[in-house]
N, C-alpha and C. Protein backbone atom coordinates (compact mmCIF):
# COMPACT_ATOMS: atom_id res chain seq x y z
N MET A 1 -2.49 -16.89 24.30
CA MET A 1 -2.80 -15.88 23.30
C MET A 1 -1.48 -15.37 22.72
N THR A 2 -1.38 -15.28 21.42
CA THR A 2 -0.16 -14.80 20.79
C THR A 2 -0.15 -13.28 20.76
N ALA A 3 1.04 -12.73 20.91
CA ALA A 3 1.18 -11.27 20.87
C ALA A 3 1.03 -10.80 19.44
N SER A 4 0.38 -9.67 19.27
CA SER A 4 0.26 -9.12 17.93
C SER A 4 1.56 -8.43 17.55
N PRO A 5 1.92 -8.44 16.27
CA PRO A 5 3.15 -7.78 15.86
C PRO A 5 3.04 -6.28 16.06
N ALA A 6 4.15 -5.68 16.40
CA ALA A 6 4.17 -4.22 16.56
C ALA A 6 3.89 -3.57 15.22
N VAL A 7 3.15 -2.48 15.26
CA VAL A 7 2.86 -1.76 14.02
C VAL A 7 4.02 -0.81 13.78
N ASP A 8 4.75 -1.08 12.76
CA ASP A 8 5.90 -0.28 12.36
C ASP A 8 5.41 1.04 11.79
N GLY A 9 6.07 2.14 12.17
CA GLY A 9 5.69 3.45 11.66
C GLY A 9 5.70 3.51 10.15
N SER A 10 6.60 2.75 9.53
CA SER A 10 6.66 2.78 8.06
C SER A 10 5.42 2.12 7.46
N ILE A 11 4.85 1.14 8.15
CA ILE A 11 3.62 0.51 7.67
C ILE A 11 2.48 1.51 7.74
N VAL A 12 2.44 2.29 8.81
CA VAL A 12 1.41 3.32 8.95
C VAL A 12 1.55 4.36 7.85
N GLU A 13 2.78 4.79 7.58
CA GLU A 13 3.03 5.75 6.50
C GLU A 13 2.62 5.17 5.14
N LEU A 14 2.90 3.90 4.96
CA LEU A 14 2.55 3.23 3.71
C LEU A 14 1.03 3.21 3.54
N CYS A 15 0.31 2.85 4.60
CA CYS A 15 -1.15 2.84 4.53
C CYS A 15 -1.69 4.24 4.25
N ALA A 16 -1.10 5.25 4.89
CA ALA A 16 -1.54 6.63 4.66
C ALA A 16 -1.31 7.02 3.21
N ALA A 17 -0.18 6.61 2.66
CA ALA A 17 0.12 6.94 1.25
C ALA A 17 -0.87 6.27 0.32
N LEU A 18 -1.34 5.10 0.69
CA LEU A 18 -2.28 4.37 -0.16
C LEU A 18 -3.72 4.83 0.05
N GLY A 19 -3.92 5.76 0.97
CA GLY A 19 -5.26 6.25 1.26
C GLY A 19 -5.76 7.31 0.30
N ASP A 20 -5.09 7.49 -0.80
CA ASP A 20 -5.48 8.51 -1.78
C ASP A 20 -5.75 7.84 -3.12
N GLU A 21 -6.91 8.09 -3.68
CA GLU A 21 -7.30 7.45 -4.94
C GLU A 21 -6.35 7.78 -6.09
N THR A 22 -5.88 9.02 -6.14
CA THR A 22 -4.96 9.40 -7.22
C THR A 22 -3.67 8.61 -7.14
N ARG A 23 -3.16 8.40 -5.92
CA ARG A 23 -1.93 7.61 -5.79
C ARG A 23 -2.16 6.16 -6.22
N TRP A 24 -3.35 5.62 -5.96
CA TRP A 24 -3.67 4.28 -6.44
C TRP A 24 -3.65 4.25 -7.97
N GLN A 25 -4.22 5.26 -8.59
CA GLN A 25 -4.22 5.33 -10.06
C GLN A 25 -2.79 5.42 -10.59
N ILE A 26 -1.98 6.22 -9.93
CA ILE A 26 -0.57 6.36 -10.34
C ILE A 26 0.14 5.02 -10.20
N LEU A 27 -0.06 4.35 -9.08
CA LEU A 27 0.58 3.04 -8.88
C LEU A 27 0.15 2.03 -9.93
N ALA A 28 -1.10 2.08 -10.33
CA ALA A 28 -1.58 1.16 -11.36
C ALA A 28 -0.82 1.38 -12.66
N VAL A 29 -0.59 2.63 -13.02
CA VAL A 29 0.18 2.93 -14.24
C VAL A 29 1.64 2.52 -14.05
N LEU A 30 2.22 2.88 -12.90
CA LEU A 30 3.63 2.55 -12.65
C LEU A 30 3.87 1.04 -12.61
N GLY A 31 2.85 0.29 -12.25
CA GLY A 31 2.98 -1.16 -12.23
C GLY A 31 3.15 -1.77 -13.60
N SER A 32 2.70 -1.04 -14.62
CA SER A 32 2.80 -1.58 -15.98
C SER A 32 3.98 -1.03 -16.76
N ARG A 33 4.45 0.18 -16.37
CA ARG A 33 5.57 0.77 -17.11
C ARG A 33 6.13 1.96 -16.34
N ALA A 34 7.37 2.32 -16.65
CA ALA A 34 7.98 3.52 -16.08
C ALA A 34 7.47 4.73 -16.85
N VAL A 35 7.09 5.78 -16.12
CA VAL A 35 6.56 6.98 -16.76
C VAL A 35 7.06 8.23 -16.05
N SER A 36 6.97 9.34 -16.74
CA SER A 36 7.32 10.63 -16.16
C SER A 36 6.07 11.28 -15.59
N ALA A 37 6.26 12.32 -14.79
CA ALA A 37 5.13 13.08 -14.25
C ALA A 37 4.31 13.69 -15.37
N SER A 38 4.98 14.16 -16.41
CA SER A 38 4.26 14.76 -17.54
C SER A 38 3.36 13.76 -18.24
N GLU A 39 3.87 12.53 -18.44
CA GLU A 39 3.05 11.49 -19.07
C GLU A 39 1.83 11.17 -18.21
N LEU A 40 2.04 11.06 -16.91
CA LEU A 40 0.93 10.77 -16.00
C LEU A 40 -0.11 11.89 -16.02
N ALA A 41 0.35 13.13 -16.08
CA ALA A 41 -0.56 14.27 -16.11
C ALA A 41 -1.42 14.26 -17.37
N ARG A 42 -0.89 13.71 -18.46
CA ARG A 42 -1.69 13.61 -19.68
C ARG A 42 -2.74 12.50 -19.57
N GLU A 43 -2.46 11.48 -18.76
CA GLU A 43 -3.37 10.34 -18.62
C GLU A 43 -4.41 10.52 -17.51
N LEU A 44 -4.06 11.26 -16.49
CA LEU A 44 -4.94 11.40 -15.33
C LEU A 44 -5.48 12.83 -15.25
N PRO A 45 -6.64 13.00 -14.65
CA PRO A 45 -7.23 14.34 -14.55
C PRO A 45 -6.64 15.13 -13.38
N VAL A 46 -5.31 15.22 -13.34
CA VAL A 46 -4.59 15.88 -12.25
C VAL A 46 -3.46 16.69 -12.87
N SER A 47 -3.13 17.82 -12.27
CA SER A 47 -2.06 18.66 -12.81
C SER A 47 -0.70 17.97 -12.66
N ARG A 48 0.23 18.40 -13.48
CA ARG A 48 1.58 17.84 -13.40
C ARG A 48 2.20 18.10 -12.04
N GLN A 49 1.96 19.29 -11.48
CA GLN A 49 2.51 19.62 -10.15
C GLN A 49 1.95 18.68 -9.08
N ALA A 50 0.66 18.40 -9.14
CA ALA A 50 0.06 17.48 -8.17
C ALA A 50 0.62 16.07 -8.36
N ILE A 51 0.76 15.66 -9.62
CA ILE A 51 1.35 14.35 -9.91
C ILE A 51 2.75 14.26 -9.32
N ALA A 52 3.55 15.30 -9.51
CA ALA A 52 4.92 15.31 -8.98
C ALA A 52 4.92 15.15 -7.46
N LYS A 53 3.99 15.79 -6.77
CA LYS A 53 3.91 15.65 -5.31
C LYS A 53 3.51 14.23 -4.91
N HIS A 54 2.56 13.66 -5.63
CA HIS A 54 2.16 12.27 -5.36
C HIS A 54 3.33 11.31 -5.60
N LEU A 55 4.05 11.53 -6.70
CA LEU A 55 5.20 10.67 -7.00
C LEU A 55 6.27 10.78 -5.93
N GLU A 56 6.50 11.98 -5.44
CA GLU A 56 7.50 12.19 -4.38
C GLU A 56 7.10 11.42 -3.13
N LEU A 57 5.84 11.49 -2.75
CA LEU A 57 5.38 10.78 -1.57
C LEU A 57 5.50 9.27 -1.77
N LEU A 58 5.12 8.78 -2.95
CA LEU A 58 5.26 7.35 -3.23
C LEU A 58 6.71 6.90 -3.17
N ALA A 59 7.61 7.75 -3.63
CA ALA A 59 9.05 7.44 -3.54
C ALA A 59 9.51 7.44 -2.09
N GLN A 60 9.05 8.38 -1.30
CA GLN A 60 9.45 8.49 0.11
C GLN A 60 9.08 7.24 0.91
N VAL A 61 7.90 6.66 0.62
CA VAL A 61 7.47 5.48 1.38
C VAL A 61 7.93 4.17 0.73
N GLY A 62 8.69 4.27 -0.36
CA GLY A 62 9.26 3.09 -0.98
C GLY A 62 8.37 2.35 -1.97
N LEU A 63 7.33 3.01 -2.46
CA LEU A 63 6.45 2.39 -3.44
C LEU A 63 6.84 2.69 -4.87
N ALA A 64 7.68 3.69 -5.06
CA ALA A 64 8.13 4.07 -6.40
C ALA A 64 9.60 4.44 -6.34
N GLU A 65 10.23 4.35 -7.49
CA GLU A 65 11.66 4.66 -7.61
C GLU A 65 11.86 5.58 -8.81
N ARG A 66 12.73 6.56 -8.62
CA ARG A 66 13.07 7.48 -9.72
C ARG A 66 14.17 6.87 -10.57
N GLU A 67 14.05 7.09 -11.89
CA GLU A 67 15.10 6.68 -12.83
C GLU A 67 15.34 7.85 -13.77
N ARG A 68 16.57 8.26 -13.90
CA ARG A 68 16.88 9.35 -14.83
C ARG A 68 17.11 8.73 -16.20
N ALA A 69 16.43 9.29 -17.19
CA ALA A 69 16.58 8.86 -18.58
C ALA A 69 16.88 10.12 -19.38
N GLY A 70 18.17 10.45 -19.50
CA GLY A 70 18.56 11.71 -20.13
C GLY A 70 18.12 12.86 -19.25
N ARG A 71 17.36 13.79 -19.81
CA ARG A 71 16.88 14.94 -19.04
C ARG A 71 15.58 14.62 -18.30
N GLU A 72 15.01 13.49 -18.60
CA GLU A 72 13.71 13.13 -18.03
C GLU A 72 13.87 12.24 -16.80
N VAL A 73 12.99 12.44 -15.83
CA VAL A 73 12.93 11.57 -14.66
C VAL A 73 11.69 10.71 -14.81
N ARG A 74 11.91 9.40 -14.80
CA ARG A 74 10.81 8.45 -14.92
C ARG A 74 10.67 7.72 -13.59
N TYR A 75 9.48 7.26 -13.32
CA TYR A 75 9.20 6.55 -12.08
C TYR A 75 8.69 5.15 -12.43
N ARG A 76 9.02 4.21 -11.55
CA ARG A 76 8.50 2.86 -11.69
C ARG A 76 8.10 2.36 -10.31
N ALA A 77 7.16 1.44 -10.27
CA ALA A 77 6.66 0.91 -9.01
C ALA A 77 7.67 -0.08 -8.42
N LEU A 78 7.69 -0.13 -7.10
CA LEU A 78 8.49 -1.12 -6.37
C LEU A 78 7.52 -2.01 -5.60
N GLY A 79 7.53 -3.27 -5.90
CA GLY A 79 6.57 -4.19 -5.29
C GLY A 79 6.92 -4.68 -3.90
N ALA A 80 8.17 -4.54 -3.47
CA ALA A 80 8.59 -5.08 -2.19
C ALA A 80 7.79 -4.49 -1.02
N ARG A 81 7.53 -3.19 -1.06
CA ARG A 81 6.77 -2.56 0.03
C ARG A 81 5.33 -3.04 0.05
N LEU A 82 4.73 -3.24 -1.11
CA LEU A 82 3.37 -3.77 -1.15
C LEU A 82 3.34 -5.20 -0.62
N THR A 83 4.37 -5.98 -0.93
CA THR A 83 4.46 -7.34 -0.41
C THR A 83 4.59 -7.31 1.11
N GLU A 84 5.40 -6.39 1.63
CA GLU A 84 5.55 -6.24 3.07
C GLU A 84 4.20 -5.91 3.72
N LEU A 85 3.46 -5.00 3.12
CA LEU A 85 2.15 -4.63 3.64
C LEU A 85 1.20 -5.82 3.57
N ALA A 86 1.20 -6.53 2.46
CA ALA A 86 0.33 -7.70 2.30
C ALA A 86 0.64 -8.75 3.37
N ASP A 87 1.91 -8.98 3.65
CA ASP A 87 2.31 -9.94 4.69
C ASP A 87 1.80 -9.49 6.05
N HIS A 88 1.92 -8.19 6.33
CA HIS A 88 1.45 -7.65 7.61
C HIS A 88 -0.07 -7.82 7.74
N LEU A 89 -0.79 -7.50 6.68
CA LEU A 89 -2.25 -7.64 6.71
C LEU A 89 -2.66 -9.10 6.83
N GLU A 90 -1.91 -9.99 6.21
CA GLU A 90 -2.19 -11.43 6.32
C GLU A 90 -2.03 -11.89 7.77
N THR A 91 -1.02 -11.41 8.46
CA THR A 91 -0.81 -11.74 9.87
C THR A 91 -1.98 -11.26 10.71
N ILE A 92 -2.43 -10.05 10.45
CA ILE A 92 -3.59 -9.51 11.17
C ILE A 92 -4.83 -10.36 10.88
N GLY A 93 -5.03 -10.72 9.63
CA GLY A 93 -6.17 -11.54 9.25
C GLY A 93 -6.16 -12.89 9.94
N ARG A 94 -4.99 -13.55 10.00
CA ARG A 94 -4.90 -14.85 10.68
C ARG A 94 -5.21 -14.70 12.16
N SER A 95 -4.76 -13.61 12.77
CA SER A 95 -5.04 -13.37 14.18
C SER A 95 -6.54 -13.23 14.43
N TRP A 96 -7.21 -12.47 13.57
CA TRP A 96 -8.66 -12.31 13.72
C TRP A 96 -9.38 -13.63 13.50
N GLU A 97 -8.96 -14.42 12.53
CA GLU A 97 -9.59 -15.71 12.29
C GLU A 97 -9.45 -16.62 13.50
N ALA A 98 -8.28 -16.60 14.14
CA ALA A 98 -8.06 -17.42 15.33
C ALA A 98 -8.97 -16.95 16.47
N ARG A 99 -9.10 -15.64 16.64
CA ARG A 99 -9.99 -15.11 17.68
C ARG A 99 -11.43 -15.51 17.43
N LEU A 100 -11.88 -15.35 16.19
CA LEU A 100 -13.26 -15.70 15.86
C LEU A 100 -13.51 -17.19 16.04
N SER A 101 -12.53 -18.00 15.73
CA SER A 101 -12.67 -19.44 15.91
C SER A 101 -12.81 -19.78 17.39
N ARG A 102 -12.01 -19.13 18.24
CA ARG A 102 -12.11 -19.36 19.69
C ARG A 102 -13.48 -18.92 20.19
N LEU A 103 -13.97 -17.78 19.74
CA LEU A 103 -15.29 -17.31 20.15
C LEU A 103 -16.39 -18.28 19.72
N LYS A 104 -16.27 -18.79 18.51
CA LYS A 104 -17.25 -19.75 18.01
C LYS A 104 -17.25 -20.99 18.88
N ASN A 105 -16.07 -21.50 19.22
CA ASN A 105 -15.96 -22.70 20.06
C ASN A 105 -16.56 -22.44 21.44
N MET A 106 -16.30 -21.27 22.00
CA MET A 106 -16.86 -20.94 23.32
C MET A 106 -18.38 -20.86 23.23
N ALA A 107 -18.91 -20.24 22.18
CA ALA A 107 -20.36 -20.11 22.03
C ALA A 107 -21.01 -21.48 21.85
N GLU A 108 -20.36 -22.37 21.14
CA GLU A 108 -20.92 -23.71 20.92
C GLU A 108 -20.93 -24.54 22.19
N GLN A 109 -20.06 -24.21 23.13
CA GLN A 109 -20.00 -24.95 24.39
C GLN A 109 -20.97 -24.44 25.43
N LEU A 110 -21.61 -23.32 25.19
CA LEU A 110 -22.60 -22.78 26.12
C LEU A 110 -23.85 -23.66 26.10
N PRO A 111 -24.48 -23.80 27.26
CA PRO A 111 -25.71 -24.60 27.27
C PRO A 111 -26.79 -23.94 26.42
N GLN A 112 -27.52 -24.78 25.71
CA GLN A 112 -28.61 -24.29 24.87
C GLN A 112 -29.79 -23.93 25.74
N GLN A 113 -30.45 -22.84 25.42
CA GLN A 113 -31.62 -22.43 26.19
C GLN A 113 -32.84 -22.44 25.35
C-alpha cells in the first residue's frame, strides 16, 4: 500500500479560501483581467470593503497578486497555486481509484452464492 502524501497546511488554507462563493466569483474575474477592488464592487453584489477583504485573503494564500498602477492597486490571479491544488487532488483521486480497483478485484474473487 502506498503512503498518502502529507496534507500541507497551505493546501488546507487554499481549500478554505476557495470555500466561499464570492471568492470564486472574484477569481473568475481576476482570471480574465487585472482589476481593482472598486471595479469588482461595481460588478459583484458585494461592498468594496468586503471585496478588499476577500482580495487580501486570496493574496495571502497565493491565488492573487497585487499590482500598483499609479494610485490604484489592481489584482490579478495566479494560477500556480491552483495547479498545485489540482495536482494534489489528482494524487488523491488516483489513490482512491487504486483502492476501489483492489476492492473490486477482491469482491470478484469471492465465491458466488
